Amino acid sequence: MKTKADKKEVVKVQVTFTKKQMEIMKEYQDIFGESDAEIVRAIVMNWLALKKEVGKNENK
């Protein structure tokens, strides 16, 4: 049986945060996910989606 990782291409990226940045991100645990990776992924994807929407609205 194939896992999710086998079904789609996965790229891993290592990032570094300060202790204060991690404390802020931990406040979003249970909102954006359980693990640090889930939280960071959700924050980045939400930021990208917001930037895309802002760009659409600026062109109007």
C-alpha atoms as a PDB file:
ATOM      1  CA  MET A   1       0.000   0.000   0.000  1.00  0.00           C
ATOM      2  CA  LYS A   2       1.367   3.416  -0.963  1.00  0.00           C
ATOM      3  CA  THR A   3       1.664   6.230   1.546  1.00  0.00           C
ATOM      4  CA  LYS A   4       0.743   9.850   0.879  1.00  0.00           C
ATOM      5  CA  ALA A   5       4.421  10.636   0.307  1.00  0.00           C
ATOM      6  CA  ASP A   6       4.587   7.933  -2.375  1.00  0.00           C
ATOM      7  CA  LYS A   7       1.546   9.365  -4.156  1.00  0.00           C
ATOM      8  CA  LYS A   8       2.887  12.902  -4.512  1.00  0.00           C
ATOM      9  CA  GLU A   9       6.254  14.543  -4.751  1.00  0.00           C
ATOM     10  CA  VAL A  10       7.445  15.927  -1.433  1.00  0.00           C
ATOM     11  CA  VAL A  11      10.112  18.583  -1.011  1.00  0.00           C
ATOM     12  CA  LYS A  12      11.589  19.209   2.428  1.00  0.00           C
ATOM     13  CA  VAL A  13      12.875  22.649   3.382  1.00  0.00           C
ATOM     14  CA  GLN A  14      14.867  23.411   6.491  1.00  0.00           C
ATOM     15  CA  VAL A  15      14.099  26.763   8.111  1.00  0.00           C
ATOM     16  CA  THR A  16      15.469  28.484  11.199  1.00  0.00           C
ATOM     17  CA  PHE A  17      13.420  30.527  13.652  1.00  0.00           C
ATOM     18  CA  THR A  18      14.348  32.441  16.777  1.00  0.00           C
ATOM     19  CA  LYS A  19      13.049  31.265  20.134  1.00  0.00           C
ATOM     20  CA  LYS A  20      10.535  34.158  20.168  1.00  0.00           C
ATOM     21  CA  GLN A  21       9.284  33.279  16.663  1.00  0.00           C
ATOM     22  CA  MET A  22       8.720  29.669  17.759  1.00  0.00           C
ATOM     23  CA  GLU A  23       6.834  30.855  20.834  1.00  0.00           C
ATOM     24  CA  ILE A  24       4.534  32.887  18.585  1.00  0.00           C
ATOM     25  CA  MET A  25       3.991  29.936  16.251  1.00  0.00           C
ATOM     26  CA  LYS A  26       3.222  27.609  19.158  1.00  0.00           C
ATOM     27  CA  GLU A  27       0.253  29.868  19.947  1.00  0.00           C
ATOM     28  CA  TYR A  28      -1.278  28.606  16.675  1.00  0.00           C
ATOM     29  CA  GLN A  29      -0.974  24.935  17.609  1.00  0.00           C
ATOM     30  CA  ASP A  30      -4.382  23.232  17.320  1.00  0.00           C
ATOM     31  CA  ILE A  31      -5.501  26.031  14.975  1.00  0.00           C
ATOM     32  CA  PHE A  32      -3.129  25.342  12.084  1.00  0.00           C
ATOM     33  CA  GLY A  33      -1.960  21.857  13.067  1.00  0.00           C
ATOM     34  CA  GLU A  34      -0.277  19.760  15.680  1.00  0.00           C
ATOM     35  CA  SER A  35       3.349  19.579  14.554  1.00  0.00           C
ATOM     36  CA  ASP A  36       5.770  22.431  13.881  1.00  0.00           C
ATOM     37  CA  ALA A  37       5.838  21.410  10.207  1.00  0.00           C
ATOM     38  CA  GLU A  38       2.037  21.562   9.910  1.00  0.00           C
ATOM     39  CA  ILE A  39       1.925  24.975  11.574  1.00  0.00           C
ATOM     40  CA  VAL A  40       4.666  26.454   9.382  1.00  0.00           C
ATOM     41  CA  ARG A  41       3.109  24.954   6.230  1.00  0.00           C
ATOM     42  CA  ALA A  42      -0.322  26.384   7.068  1.00  0.00           C
ATOM     43  CA  ILE A  43       1.042  29.837   7.896  1.00  0.00           C
ATOM     44  CA  VAL A  44       3.056  29.995   4.665  1.00  0.00           C
ATOM     45  CA  MET A  45       0.176  28.765   2.503  1.00  0.00           C
ATOM     46  CA  ASN A  46      -2.261  31.207   4.126  1.00  0.00           C
ATOM     47  CA  TRP A  47       0.206  34.065   3.610  1.00  0.00           C
ATOM     48  CA  LEU A  48       0.660  33.121  -0.051  1.00  0.00           C
ATOM     49  CA  ALA A  49      -3.106  32.924  -0.589  1.00  0.00           C
ATOM     50  CA  LEU A  50      -3.568  36.325   1.054  1.00  0.00           C
ATOM     51  CA  LYS A  51      -0.844  37.882  -1.105  1.00  0.00           C
ATOM     52  CA  LYS A  52      -2.494  36.469  -4.220  1.00  0.00           C
ATOM     53  CA  GLU A  53      -5.881  37.947  -3.235  1.00  0.00           C
ATOM     54  CA  VAL A  54      -4.334  41.317  -2.408  1.00  0.00           C
ATOM     55  CA  GLY A  55      -2.657  41.341  -5.826  1.00  0.00           C
ATOM     56  CA  LYS A  56      -5.977  40.605  -7.544  1.00  0.00           C
ATOM     57  CA  ASN A  57      -7.703  43.452  -5.692  1.00  0.00           C
ATOM     58  CA  GLU A  58      -4.936  45.945  -6.527  1.00  0.00           C
ATOM     59  CA  ASN A  59      -5.486  45.382 -10.262  1.00  0.00           C
ATOM     60  CA  LYS A  60      -9.157  46.448 -10.048  1.00  0.00           C
END
